[in-house]
C-alpha atoms as a PDB file:
ATOM      1  CA  MET A   1     -17.189 -10.580  17.404  1.00  0.00           C
ATOM      2  CA  GLY A   2     -13.649 -11.713  18.246  1.00  0.00           C
ATOM      3  CA  ALA A   3     -11.881 -10.336  21.284  1.00  0.00           C
ATOM      4  CA  PHE A   4      -9.088  -8.941  19.073  1.00  0.00           C
ATOM      5  CA  ILE A   5     -11.543  -6.958  16.944  1.00  0.00           C
ATOM      6  CA  GLN A   6     -13.531  -5.849  19.992  1.00  0.00           C
ATOM      7  CA  ASN A   7     -10.383  -4.551  21.670  1.00  0.00           C
ATOM      8  CA  GLY A   8      -9.510  -2.677  18.483  1.00  0.00           C
ATOM      9  CA  ILE A   9     -12.933  -1.070  18.411  1.00  0.00           C
ATOM     10  CA  GLN A  10     -12.428   0.171  21.961  1.00  0.00           C
ATOM     11  CA  TRP A  11      -9.236   1.922  20.848  1.00  0.00           C
ATOM     12  CA  VAL A  12     -11.102   3.592  17.987  1.00  0.00           C
ATOM     13  CA  LEU A  13     -13.958   4.673  20.272  1.00  0.00           C
ATOM     14  CA  ALA A  14     -11.477   6.088  22.787  1.00  0.00           C
ATOM     15  CA  ILE A  15      -9.884   8.271  20.094  1.00  0.00           C
ATOM     16  CA  GLN A  16     -13.252   9.355  18.689  1.00  0.00           C
ATOM     17  CA  SER A  17     -14.329  10.330  22.205  1.00  0.00           C
ATOM     18  CA  LEU A  18     -11.718  13.113  22.195  1.00  0.00           C
ATOM     19  CA  GLY A  19     -14.323  15.284  20.506  1.00  0.00           C
ATOM     20  CA  ALA A  20     -15.883  16.434  17.251  1.00  0.00           C
ATOM     21  CA  TRP A  21     -13.490  19.404  17.126  1.00  0.00           C
ATOM     22  CA  LEU A  22     -10.853  17.011  15.743  1.00  0.00           C
ATOM     23  CA  GLU A  23     -12.883  16.088  12.663  1.00  0.00           C
ATOM     24  CA  TYR A  24     -11.467  18.683  10.284  1.00  0.00           C
ATOM     25  CA  PRO A  25      -7.825  18.402  11.462  1.00  0.00           C
ATOM     26  CA  MET A  26      -8.061  14.612  11.129  1.00  0.00           C
ATOM     27  CA  LYS A  27      -9.564  14.861   7.641  1.00  0.00           C
ATOM     28  CA  PHE A  28      -6.715  17.180   6.690  1.00  0.00           C
ATOM     29  CA  PHE A  29      -4.074  14.734   7.924  1.00  0.00           C
ATOM     30  CA  THR A  30      -5.775  11.771   6.290  1.00  0.00           C
ATOM     31  CA  SER A  31      -5.714  13.666   2.979  1.00  0.00           C
ATOM     32  CA  LEU A  32      -1.893  13.690   3.218  1.00  0.00           C
ATOM     33  CA  GLY A  33      -1.940   9.925   2.674  1.00  0.00           C
ATOM     34  CA  SER A  34      -4.657   9.704   0.011  1.00  0.00           C
ATOM     35  CA  GLU A  35      -4.326   8.647  -3.644  1.00  0.00           C
ATOM     36  CA  ASN A  36      -5.748  11.963  -4.882  1.00  0.00           C
ATOM     37  CA  PHE A  37      -3.153  13.880  -2.870  1.00  0.00           C
ATOM     38  CA  PHE A  38      -0.310  11.875  -4.420  1.00  0.00           C
ATOM     39  CA  PHE A  39      -1.643  12.421  -7.938  1.00  0.00           C
ATOM     40  CA  LEU A  40      -1.363  16.147  -7.199  1.00  0.00           C
ATOM     41  CA  VAL A  41       1.872  16.313  -5.199  1.00  0.00           C
ATOM     42  CA  LEU A  42       3.909  13.756  -7.161  1.00  0.00           C
ATOM     43  CA  PRO A  43       3.792  15.729 -10.440  1.00  0.00           C
ATOM     44  CA  LEU A  44       4.628  18.903  -8.534  1.00  0.00           C
ATOM     45  CA  LEU A  45       7.656  17.230  -6.967  1.00  0.00           C
ATOM     46  CA  TYR A  46       8.879  15.612 -10.189  1.00  0.00           C
ATOM     47  CA  TRP A  47       8.150  18.398 -12.682  1.00  0.00           C
ATOM     48  CA  SER A  48       8.855  21.480 -10.581  1.00  0.00           C
ATOM     49  CA  ILE A  49      10.992  20.713  -7.526  1.00  0.00           C
ATOM     50  CA  ASP A  50      13.408  17.783  -7.864  1.00  0.00           C
ATOM     51  CA  ALA A  51      13.017  15.197 -10.639  1.00  0.00           C
ATOM     52  CA  ARG A  52      15.424  12.715  -9.040  1.00  0.00           C
ATOM     53  CA  ILE A  53      13.535  12.625  -5.749  1.00  0.00           C
ATOM     54  CA  GLY A  54      10.187  12.661  -7.543  1.00  0.00           C
ATOM     55  CA  LEU A  55      11.082   9.623  -9.634  1.00  0.00           C
ATOM     56  CA  ARG A  56      12.109   7.611  -6.590  1.00  0.00           C
ATOM     57  CA  VAL A  57       8.971   8.587  -4.697  1.00  0.00           C
ATOM     58  CA  ALA A  58       6.855   7.586  -7.702  1.00  0.00           C
ATOM     59  CA  PHE A  59       8.232   4.052  -7.743  1.00  0.00           C
ATOM     60  CA  ILE A  60       8.048   3.661  -3.953  1.00  0.00           C
ATOM     61  CA  LEU A  61       4.374   4.656  -3.932  1.00  0.00           C
ATOM     62  CA  VAL A  62       3.268   2.557  -6.900  1.00  0.00           C
ATOM     63  CA  THR A  63       5.150  -0.522  -5.692  1.00  0.00           C
ATOM     64  CA  GLY A  64       3.762  -0.041  -2.193  1.00  0.00           C
ATOM     65  CA  THR A  65       0.217   0.326  -3.506  1.00  0.00           C
ATOM     66  CA  SER A  66       0.487  -2.948  -5.401  1.00  0.00           C
ATOM     67  CA  LEU A  67       1.886  -4.724  -2.336  1.00  0.00           C
ATOM     68  CA  SER A  68      -0.813  -3.242  -0.112  1.00  0.00           C
ATOM     69  CA  CYS A  69      -3.582  -4.501  -2.428  1.00  0.00           C
ATOM     70  CA  SER A  70      -2.236  -8.047  -2.293  1.00  0.00           C
ATOM     71  CA  VAL A  71      -1.880  -8.010   1.494  1.00  0.00           C
ATOM     72  CA  LYS A  72      -5.439  -6.722   1.850  1.00  0.00           C
ATOM     73  CA  PHE A  73      -6.716  -9.695  -0.150  1.00  0.00           C
ATOM     74  CA  LEU A  74      -4.713 -12.151   1.945  1.00  0.00           C
ATOM     75  CA  PHE A  75      -6.153 -10.944   5.257  1.00  0.00           C
ATOM     76  CA  ALA A  76      -9.598  -9.754   4.027  1.00  0.00           C
ATOM     77  CA  ALA A  77      -9.882  -7.782   7.270  1.00  0.00           C
ATOM     78  CA  PRO A  78     -12.871  -5.513   8.020  1.00  0.00           C
ATOM     79  CA  ARG A  79     -12.845  -1.839   8.867  1.00  0.00           C
ATOM     80  CA  PRO A  80     -14.070  -0.679  12.292  1.00  0.00           C
ATOM     81  CA  TYR A  81     -17.157   1.126  11.014  1.00  0.00           C
ATOM     82  CA  TRP A  82     -18.213  -2.008   9.111  1.00  0.00           C
ATOM     83  CA  VAL A  83     -18.400  -4.201  12.197  1.00  0.00           C
ATOM     84  CA  SER A  84     -19.542  -1.779  14.900  1.00  0.00           C
ATOM     85  CA  ALA A  85     -22.487   0.600  14.933  1.00  0.00           C
ATOM     86  CA  GLU A  86     -20.766   2.500  17.764  1.00  0.00           C
ATOM     87  CA  VAL A  87     -17.924   3.624  15.476  1.00  0.00           C
ATOM     88  CA  GLN A  88     -18.810   6.815  13.609  1.00  0.00           C
ATOM     89  CA  PRO A  89     -17.536   6.798  10.006  1.00  0.00           C
ATOM     90  CA  GLY A  90     -15.774  10.025   9.124  1.00  0.00           C
ATOM     91  CA  SER A  91     -14.990   8.930   5.590  1.00  0.00           C
ATOM     92  CA  VAL A  92     -15.769   6.050   3.249  1.00  0.00           C
ATOM     93  CA  GLU A  93     -13.564   3.251   1.905  1.00  0.00           C
ATOM     94  CA  SER A  94     -14.299   0.277  -0.308  1.00  0.00           C
ATOM     95  CA  THR A  95     -11.213  -1.893   0.241  1.00  0.00           C
ATOM     96  CA  PHE A  96     -10.320  -4.237   3.104  1.00  0.00           C
ATOM     97  CA  GLY A  97      -8.676  -2.702   6.143  1.00  0.00           C
ATOM     98  CA  LEU A  98      -5.306  -4.419   6.707  1.00  0.00           C
ATOM     99  CA  PRO A  99      -2.893  -2.717   6.087  1.00  0.00           C
ATOM    100  CA  SER A 100      -3.629   1.005   6.131  1.00  0.00           C
ATOM    101  CA  THR A 101      -2.444   2.238   2.738  1.00  0.00           C
ATOM    102  CA  HIS A 102      -2.723   5.838   3.953  1.00  0.00           C
ATOM    103  CA  ALA A 103      -0.300   5.167   6.812  1.00  0.00           C
ATOM    104  CA  GLN A 104       1.986   3.187   4.502  1.00  0.00           C
ATOM    105  CA  ASN A 105       2.120   5.886   1.829  1.00  0.00           C
ATOM    106  CA  ALA A 106       2.647   8.654   4.381  1.00  0.00           C
ATOM    107  CA  ALA A 107       5.607   6.804   5.896  1.00  0.00           C
ATOM    108  CA  ALA A 108       7.144   6.199   2.460  1.00  0.00           C
ATOM    109  CA  LEU A 109       6.520   9.674   0.999  1.00  0.00           C
ATOM    110  CA  TRP A 110       7.540  11.876   3.890  1.00  0.00           C
ATOM    111  CA  GLY A 111      10.392   9.529   4.776  1.00  0.00           C
ATOM    112  CA  SER A 112      11.662   9.832   1.190  1.00  0.00           C
ATOM    113  CA  MET A 113      11.577  13.608   1.461  1.00  0.00           C
ATOM    114  CA  ALA A 114      13.579  13.577   4.686  1.00  0.00           C
ATOM    115  CA  ALA A 115      16.073  11.050   3.338  1.00  0.00           C
ATOM    116  CA  ALA A 116      16.694  13.225   0.272  1.00  0.00           C
ATOM    117  CA  ILE A 117      18.200  16.031   2.358  1.00  0.00           C
ATOM    118  CA  PRO A 118      22.006  15.832   2.018  1.00  0.00           C
ATOM    119  CA  ALA A 119      23.942  14.473   4.985  1.00  0.00           C
ATOM    120  CA  GLY A 120      25.478  17.145   7.158  1.00  0.00           C
ATOM    121  CA  LYS A 121      22.615  19.608   6.866  1.00  0.00           C
ATOM    122  CA  ARG A 122      21.711  20.776  10.364  1.00  0.00           C
ATOM    123  CA  TRP A 123      18.006  20.552   9.694  1.00  0.00           C
ATOM    124  CA  LYS A 124      18.079  16.989   8.325  1.00  0.00           C
ATOM    125  CA  GLN A 125      17.247  15.556  11.754  1.00  0.00           C
ATOM    126  CA  TRP A 126      14.331  17.946  12.082  1.00  0.00           C
ATOM    127  CA  ALA A 127      13.106  16.873   8.655  1.00  0.00           C
ATOM    128  CA  TRP A 128      13.026  13.286   9.920  1.00  0.00           C
ATOM    129  CA  VAL A 129      11.143  14.396  13.032  1.00  0.00           C
ATOM    130  CA  ALA A 130       8.595  16.171  10.841  1.00  0.00           C
ATOM    131  CA  ALA A 131       8.317  13.190   8.464  1.00  0.00           C
ATOM    132  CA  ILE A 132       7.701  10.729  11.293  1.00  0.00           C
ATOM    133  CA  ALA A 133       5.246  13.115  12.953  1.00  0.00           C
ATOM    134  CA  LEU A 134       3.263  13.485   9.726  1.00  0.00           C
ATOM    135  CA  ALA A 135       3.144   9.711   9.209  1.00  0.00           C
ATOM    136  CA  PHE A 136       2.016   9.321  12.834  1.00  0.00           C
ATOM    137  CA  LEU A 137      -0.754  11.904  12.460  1.00  0.00           C
ATOM    138  CA  VAL A 138      -1.977  10.321   9.213  1.00  0.00           C
ATOM    139  CA  GLY A 139      -2.189   6.984  11.040  1.00  0.00           C
ATOM    140  CA  ILE A 140      -4.046   8.476  13.999  1.00  0.00           C
ATOM    141  CA  SER A 141      -6.457  10.197  11.625  1.00  0.00           C
ATOM    142  CA  ARG A 142      -7.397   6.800  10.185  1.00  0.00           C
ATOM    143  CA  LEU A 143      -8.335   5.602  13.672  1.00  0.00           C
ATOM    144  CA  TYR A 144     -10.294   8.749  14.490  1.00  0.00           C
ATOM    145  CA  LEU A 145     -12.267   8.528  11.244  1.00  0.00           C
ATOM    146  CA  GLY A 146     -13.175   4.896  11.954  1.00  0.00           C
ATOM    147  CA  MET A 147     -11.435   3.599   8.843  1.00  0.00           C
ATOM    148  CA  HIS A 148      -8.813   1.406  10.514  1.00  0.00           C
ATOM    149  CA  PHE A 149      -7.900  -0.546  13.614  1.00  0.00           C
ATOM    150  CA  ALA A 150      -4.601   0.171  15.352  1.00  0.00           C
ATOM    151  CA  HIS A 151      -3.038  -3.026  13.935  1.00  0.00           C
ATOM    152  CA  ASP A 152      -3.956  -1.889  10.394  1.00  0.00           C
ATOM    153  CA  VAL A 153      -2.070   1.348  10.931  1.00  0.00           C
ATOM    154  CA  LEU A 154       0.927  -0.383  12.535  1.00  0.00           C
ATOM    155  CA  ALA A 155       1.122  -2.762   9.577  1.00  0.00           C
ATOM    156  CA  GLY A 156       0.957   0.186   7.174  1.00  0.00           C
ATOM    157  CA  TRP A 157       3.794   1.992   8.914  1.00  0.00           C
ATOM    158  CA  LEU A 158       5.889  -1.189   8.950  1.00  0.00           C
ATOM    159  CA  ILE A 159       5.421  -1.868   5.238  1.00  0.00           C
ATOM    160  CA  GLY A 160       6.031   1.788   4.381  1.00  0.00           C
ATOM    161  CA  TYR A 161       9.307   2.031   6.274  1.00  0.00           C
ATOM    162  CA  VAL A 162      10.546  -1.351   5.018  1.00  0.00           C
ATOM    163  CA  LEU A 163       9.873  -0.228   1.445  1.00  0.00           C
ATOM    164  CA  LEU A 164      11.636   3.053   2.134  1.00  0.00           C
ATOM    165  CA  PHE A 165      14.707   1.222   3.471  1.00  0.00           C
ATOM    166  CA  VAL A 166      14.813  -1.149   0.485  1.00  0.00           C
ATOM    167  CA  PHE A 167      14.519   1.672  -2.052  1.00  0.00           C
ATOM    168  CA  LEU A 168      17.127   3.838  -0.339  1.00  0.00           C
ATOM    169  CA  LYS A 169      19.575   0.924  -0.235  1.00  0.00           C
ATOM    170  CA  PHE A 170      19.073  -0.456  -3.739  1.00  0.00           C
ATOM    171  CA  TRP A 171      17.885   2.496  -5.849  1.00  0.00           C
ATOM    172  CA  ASP A 172      21.330   3.648  -7.037  1.00  0.00           C
ATOM    173  CA  PRO A 173      22.749   0.151  -7.757  1.00  0.00           C
ATOM    174  CA  VAL A 174      19.636  -0.856  -9.698  1.00  0.00           C
ATOM    175  CA  ALA A 175      19.636   2.438 -11.620  1.00  0.00           C
ATOM    176  CA  ALA A 176      23.298   1.884 -12.552  1.00  0.00           C
ATOM    177  CA  TRP A 177      22.514  -1.658 -13.717  1.00  0.00           C
ATOM    178  CA  LEU A 178      19.577  -0.473 -15.827  1.00  0.00           C
ATOM    179  CA  LYS A 179      21.841   1.993 -17.621  1.00  0.00           C
ATOM    180  CA  THR A 180      23.731  -0.990 -19.059  1.00  0.00           C
ATOM    181  CA  LYS A 181      20.524  -2.187 -20.770  1.00  0.00           C
ATOM    182  CA  THR A 182      19.033  -0.985 -24.016  1.00  0.00           C
ATOM    183  CA  PHE A 183      15.746   0.894 -24.092  1.00  0.00           C
ATOM    184  CA  LEU A 184      13.890  -2.158 -25.419  1.00  0.00           C
ATOM    185  CA  GLN A 185      15.380  -4.342 -22.698  1.00  0.00           C
ATOM    186  CA  GLN A 186      14.246  -1.847 -20.077  1.00  0.00           C
ATOM    187  CA  VAL A 187      10.729  -1.810 -21.545  1.00  0.00           C
ATOM    188  CA  ALA A 188      10.588  -5.614 -21.574  1.00  0.00           C
ATOM    189  CA  LEU A 189      11.750  -5.737 -17.965  1.00  0.00           C
ATOM    190  CA  ALA A 190       9.152  -3.139 -16.917  1.00  0.00           C
ATOM    191  CA  PHE A 191       6.383  -5.089 -18.646  1.00  0.00           C
ATOM    192  CA  ALA A 192       7.513  -8.334 -16.999  1.00  0.00           C
ATOM    193  CA  ILE A 193       7.509  -6.722 -13.541  1.00  0.00           C
ATOM    194  CA  SER A 194       4.049  -5.266 -14.115  1.00  0.00           C
ATOM    195  CA  MET A 195       2.799  -8.743 -15.071  1.00  0.00           C
ATOM    196  CA  ILE A 196       4.370 -10.163 -11.900  1.00  0.00           C
ATOM    197  CA  LEU A 197       2.558  -7.526  -9.845  1.00  0.00           C
ATOM    198  CA  ILE A 198      -0.721  -8.544 -11.480  1.00  0.00           C
ATOM    199  CA  ALA A 199       0.015 -12.237 -10.952  1.00  0.00           C
ATOM    200  CA  ILE A 200       0.747 -11.706  -7.244  1.00  0.00           C
ATOM    201  CA  GLY A 201      -2.451  -9.734  -6.853  1.00  0.00           C
ATOM    202  CA  VAL A 202      -4.602 -12.257  -8.707  1.00  0.00           C
ATOM    203  CA  LEU A 203      -3.131 -15.184  -6.754  1.00  0.00           C
ATOM    204  CA  SER A 204      -3.727 -13.423  -3.434  1.00  0.00           C
ATOM    205  CA  HIS A 205      -7.290 -12.752  -4.570  1.00  0.00           C
ATOM    206  CA  MET A 206      -8.097 -16.379  -5.433  1.00  0.00           C
ATOM    207  CA  PRO A 207      -9.432 -17.315  -1.944  1.00  0.00           C
ATOM    208  CA  LEU A 208     -11.956 -14.471  -2.354  1.00  0.00           C
ATOM    209  CA  LYS A 209     -13.520 -15.806  -5.539  1.00  0.00           C
ATOM    210  CA  GLY A 210     -17.291 -15.442  -5.233  1.00  0.00           C
ATOM    211  CA  TYR A 211     -16.930 -13.106  -2.243  1.00  0.00           C
ATOM    212  CA  THR A 212     -20.044 -11.235  -1.120  1.00  0.00           C
ATOM    213  CA  PHE A 213     -20.052  -8.493   1.449  1.00  0.00           C
ATOM    214  CA  PRO A 214     -21.276  -9.963   4.789  1.00  0.00           C
ATOM    215  CA  VAL A 215     -24.891  -9.159   5.570  1.00  0.00           C
ATOM    216  CA  ALA A 216     -23.962  -8.512   9.209  1.00  0.00           C
ATOM    217  CA  TRP A 217     -21.768  -5.583   8.130  1.00  0.00           C
ATOM    218  CA  THR A 218     -24.057  -4.142   5.464  1.00  0.00           C
ATOM    219  CA  GLU A 219     -26.156  -1.771   7.558  1.00  0.00           C
ATOM    220  CA  ASN A 220     -23.111  -0.303   9.289  1.00  0.00           C
ATOM    221  CA  ALA A 221     -21.183   0.130   6.035  1.00  0.00           C
ATOM    222  CA  LEU A 222     -24.069   1.861   4.273  1.00  0.00           C
ATOM    223  CA  ARG A 223     -23.988   4.675   6.839  1.00  0.00           C
ATOM    224  CA  ALA A 224     -20.931   6.131   5.078  1.00  0.00           C
ATOM    225  CA  GLY A 225     -21.851   5.583   1.442  1.00  0.00           C
ATOM    226  CA  PRO A 226     -22.341   2.886  -1.202  1.00  0.00           C
ATOM    227  CA  LEU A 227     -21.875  -0.754  -0.256  1.00  0.00           C
ATOM    228  CA  PRO A 228     -18.127  -1.544  -0.364  1.00  0.00           C
ATOM    229  CA  ALA A 229     -16.665  -3.933  -2.927  1.00  0.00           C
ATOM    230  CA  PRO A 230     -13.444  -4.925  -1.142  1.00  0.00           C
ATOM    231  CA  ALA A 231     -12.747  -7.956  -3.344  1.00  0.00           C
ATOM    232  CA  SER A 232     -12.386  -5.846  -6.519  1.00  0.00           C
ATOM    233  CA  VAL A 233      -9.097  -6.398  -8.367  1.00  0.00           C
ATOM    234  CA  GLU A 234      -9.209  -3.014 -10.144  1.00  0.00           C
ATOM    235  CA  ASP A 235      -6.516  -1.517  -7.906  1.00  0.00           C
ATOM    236  CA  ILE A 236      -4.115  -4.318  -8.832  1.00  0.00           C
ATOM    237  CA  PHE A 237      -4.371  -3.396 -12.515  1.00  0.00           C
ATOM    238  CA  THR A 238      -4.212   0.315 -11.665  1.00  0.00           C
ATOM    239  CA  ALA A 239      -0.917  -0.079  -9.808  1.00  0.00           C
ATOM    240  CA  ALA A 240       0.618  -2.427 -12.398  1.00  0.00           C
ATOM    241  CA  GLY A 241      -0.325  -0.141 -15.288  1.00  0.00           C
ATOM    242  CA  THR A 242       1.014   2.922 -13.488  1.00  0.00           C
ATOM    243  CA  PHE A 243       4.282   1.098 -12.761  1.00  0.00           C
ATOM    244  CA  LEU A 244       4.658   0.231 -16.448  1.00  0.00           C
ATOM    245  CA  GLY A 245       3.988   3.822 -17.498  1.00  0.00           C
ATOM    246  CA  PHE A 246       6.465   5.206 -14.956  1.00  0.00           C
ATOM    247  CA  ALA A 247       9.156   2.771 -16.053  1.00  0.00           C
ATOM    248  CA  ILE A 248       8.725   3.293 -19.803  1.00  0.00           C
ATOM    249  CA  GLY A 249       8.550   7.050 -19.296  1.00  0.00           C
ATOM    250  CA  ALA A 250      11.757   7.055 -17.245  1.00  0.00           C
ATOM    251  CA  ALA A 251      13.604   4.831 -19.725  1.00  0.00           C
ATOM    252  CA  TRP A 252      12.419   6.822 -22.761  1.00  0.00           C
ATOM    253  CA  LEU A 253      13.314  10.166 -21.188  1.00  0.00           C
ATOM    254  CA  ALA A 254      16.720   8.923 -20.041  1.00  0.00           C
ATOM    255  CA  SER A 255      17.493   7.854 -23.626  1.00  0.00           C
ATOM    256  CA  ARG A 256      16.846  11.458 -24.658  1.00  0.00           C
ATOM    257  CA  GLY A 257      19.008  13.173 -22.109  1.00  0.00           C
ATOM    258  CA  GLY A 258      16.971  13.016 -18.899  1.00  0.00           C
ATOM    259  CA  TYR A 259      15.074  15.779 -17.164  1.00  0.00           C
ATOM    260  CA  GLN A 260      15.784  18.374 -14.505  1.00  0.00           C
ATOM    261  CA  ALA A 261      13.273  20.474 -12.605  1.00  0.00           C
ATOM    262  CA  GLU A 262      15.413  23.592 -12.273  1.00  0.00           C
ATOM    263  CA  GLY A 263      14.349  26.982 -13.612  1.00  0.00           C
ATOM    264  CA  PRO A 264      12.476  30.174 -12.723  1.00  0.00           C
ATOM    265  CA  VAL A 265       9.446  29.901 -10.464  1.00  0.00           C
ATOM    266  CA  ALA A 266       7.133  31.049 -13.264  1.00  0.00           C
ATOM    267  CA  LYS A 267       8.293  28.231 -15.538  1.00  0.00           C
ATOM    268  CA  ARG A 268       7.990  25.667 -12.753  1.00  0.00           C
ATOM    269  CA  ALA A 269       4.426  26.788 -12.052  1.00  0.00           C
ATOM    270  CA  LEU A 270       3.524  26.727 -15.744  1.00  0.00           C
ATOM    271  CA  ARG A 271       4.925  23.201 -16.104  1.00  0.00           C
ATOM    272  CA  TYR A 272       2.763  22.014 -13.248  1.00  0.00           C
ATOM    273  CA  MET A 273      -0.416  23.579 -14.621  1.00  0.00           C
ATOM    274  CA  ILE A 274       0.132  22.286 -18.169  1.00  0.00           C
ATOM    275  CA  GLY A 275       1.192  18.847 -17.028  1.00  0.00           C
ATOM    276  CA  LEU A 276      -1.694  18.503 -14.631  1.00  0.00           C
ATOM    277  CA  ILE A 277      -4.166  19.149 -17.450  1.00  0.00           C
ATOM    278  CA  GLY A 278      -2.730  16.132 -19.233  1.00  0.00           C
ATOM    279  CA  VAL A 279      -3.008  14.003 -16.085  1.00  0.00           C
ATOM    280  CA  LEU A 280      -6.664  14.971 -15.648  1.00  0.00           C
ATOM    281  CA  ILE A 281      -7.494  14.245 -19.292  1.00  0.00           C
ATOM    282  CA  LEU A 282      -5.991  10.762 -19.123  1.00  0.00           C
ATOM    283  CA  TRP A 283      -7.012   9.962 -15.555  1.00  0.00           C
ATOM    284  CA  GLU A 284     -10.512  11.409 -15.357  1.00  0.00           C
ATOM    285  CA  GLY A 285     -11.331  11.868 -19.038  1.00  0.00           C
ATOM    286  CA  LEU A 286     -10.522   8.320 -20.134  1.00  0.00           C
ATOM    287  CA  GLY A 287     -12.005   7.049 -16.890  1.00  0.00           C
ATOM    288  CA  ALA A 288     -15.334   8.592 -17.837  1.00  0.00           C
ATOM    289  CA  ILE A 289     -15.545   6.883 -21.231  1.00  0.00           C
ATOM    290  CA  LEU A 290     -13.867   3.515 -20.683  1.00  0.00           C
ATOM    291  CA  PRO A 291     -15.964   0.685 -19.227  1.00  0.00           C
ATOM    292  CA  ASP A 292     -15.633  -0.412 -15.597  1.00  0.00           C
ATOM    293  CA  GLY A 293     -15.880  -3.976 -14.436  1.00  0.00           C
ATOM    294  CA  GLU A 294     -14.090  -7.082 -13.252  1.00  0.00           C
ATOM    295  CA  THR A 295     -13.863  -8.854 -16.621  1.00  0.00           C
ATOM    296  CA  TRP A 296     -10.656  -8.928 -18.631  1.00  0.00           C
ATOM    297  CA  LEU A 297     -11.584  -6.249 -21.173  1.00  0.00           C
ATOM    298  CA  PRO A 298     -12.271  -3.387 -18.729  1.00  0.00           C
ATOM    299  CA  LEU A 299      -9.348  -4.501 -16.546  1.00  0.00           C
ATOM    300  CA  THR A 300      -7.013  -4.477 -19.554  1.00  0.00           C
ATOM    301  CA  LEU A 301      -8.257  -1.027 -20.560  1.00  0.00           C
ATOM    302  CA  ARG A 302      -7.703   0.164 -16.986  1.00  0.00           C
ATOM    303  CA  TYR A 303      -4.137  -1.172 -17.138  1.00  0.00           C
ATOM    304  CA  ILE A 304      -3.539   0.705 -20.417  1.00  0.00           C
ATOM    305  CA  ARG A 305      -5.191   3.888 -19.131  1.00  0.00           C
ATOM    306  CA  TYR A 306      -2.997   4.058 -16.051  1.00  0.00           C
ATOM    307  CA  ALA A 307       0.073   3.155 -18.084  1.00  0.00           C
ATOM    308  CA  LEU A 308      -0.693   6.240 -20.200  1.00  0.00           C
ATOM    309  CA  VAL A 309      -1.098   8.362 -17.044  1.00  0.00           C
ATOM    310  CA  GLY A 310       2.225   7.079 -15.691  1.00  0.00           C
ATOM    311  CA  PHE A 311       4.023   7.621 -18.992  1.00  0.00           C
ATOM    312  CA  TRP A 312       2.657  11.152 -19.293  1.00  0.00           C
ATOM    313  CA  MET A 313       3.782  12.068 -15.790  1.00  0.00           C
ATOM    314  CA  ILE A 314       7.343  10.780 -16.153  1.00  0.00           C
ATOM    315  CA  GLY A 315       8.068  11.045 -19.888  1.00  0.00           C
ATOM    316  CA  GLY A 316       5.334  12.744 -21.908  1.00  0.00           C
ATOM    317  CA  ALA A 317       4.925  15.967 -19.963  1.00  0.00           C
ATOM    318  CA  PRO A 318       8.699  16.629 -19.698  1.00  0.00           C
ATOM    319  CA  TRP A 319       8.998  16.123 -23.475  1.00  0.00           C
ATOM    320  CA  LEU A 320       6.307  18.784 -23.923  1.00  0.00           C
ATOM    321  CA  PHE A 321       8.163  21.075 -21.524  1.00  0.00           C
ATOM    322  CA  PHE A 322      11.317  20.707 -23.655  1.00  0.00           C
ATOM    323  CA  HIS A 323       9.320  21.517 -26.795  1.00  0.00           C
ATOM    324  CA  PHE A 324       8.060  24.808 -25.335  1.00  0.00           C
ATOM    325  CA  ASN A 325      11.374  25.669 -23.682  1.00  0.00           C
ATOM    326  CA  LEU A 326       9.915  25.318 -20.183  1.00  0.00           C
ATOM    327  CA  ALA A 327      12.598  22.891 -18.995  1.00  0.00           C
ATOM    328  CA  ARG A 328      16.058  21.568 -19.860  1.00  0.00           C
ATOM    329  CA  LYS A 329      17.479  18.101 -20.202  1.00  0.00           C
ATOM    330  CA  ALA A 330      19.614  16.826 -17.351  1.00  0.00           C
ATOM    331  CA  ASN A 331      22.792  16.635 -19.461  1.00  0.00           C
ATOM    332  CA  MET A 332      22.583  20.264 -20.634  1.00  0.00           C
END
């Protein structure tokens, strides 16, 4: 075992030695950076709190997820509990370790929330303190649970904050430029970008062709659950399909007057409940009947399935809300 990895394991063991009483707090904080959490909180933010902020967060997260998948393939780095029997797994993960997507997403999400507070508000600085603290705790939770080395978490934070900076700087100019394009041009551009995301992911995956999980890590990995399949490209197609659905949904809705999340609390709550049913039908329902696998047919169906989920979240559900007078268009 390399000295770099061994030193990283010592950091993980030192944090785990703080005691079992931290298990539930750490699992709570790690949930704040998980995919399932974002599939619950993103619709709430977009449908019922602030559509403008929700849309930006959606694109930051899906772009970051795609980038994270590609970087994981490039480094093909293990997780602490895979390589050391001393590390106690507090969760289970199937992907490679570098970077920590949980840390990355936490930095991007909570940073976006803090950045959205108007300048001049006295509590804006405290929002940034809270956002950074939450991202820090999510990262520490990944160490405590044995899912990541410290350098995985640092890389996740770095990528998350770089993405946040890029989106904050270029979001408005790009949005203004897109308004000069027709709906079909916007759809074509979204499809092209989604194909680029897939191409980057597939190219980064090429050195892993024929990859088999190392025998030396197998016994350790099986302590937490099924044998990991870190070389799977499914997440690449998931992120690309979701990006396409978000983009088409945003373009289609904008062509029909946009969407605003204002309204009585009862209507906001009803939007969330109705919309979430649609997400679950497309996400879990289609997932239960469509085939899984690494061949082109199941991967294409996965791409389409997540494009439908993304479109429903950004365009389909708001259209339904308009139909039942649960929401208003932005230009009304």
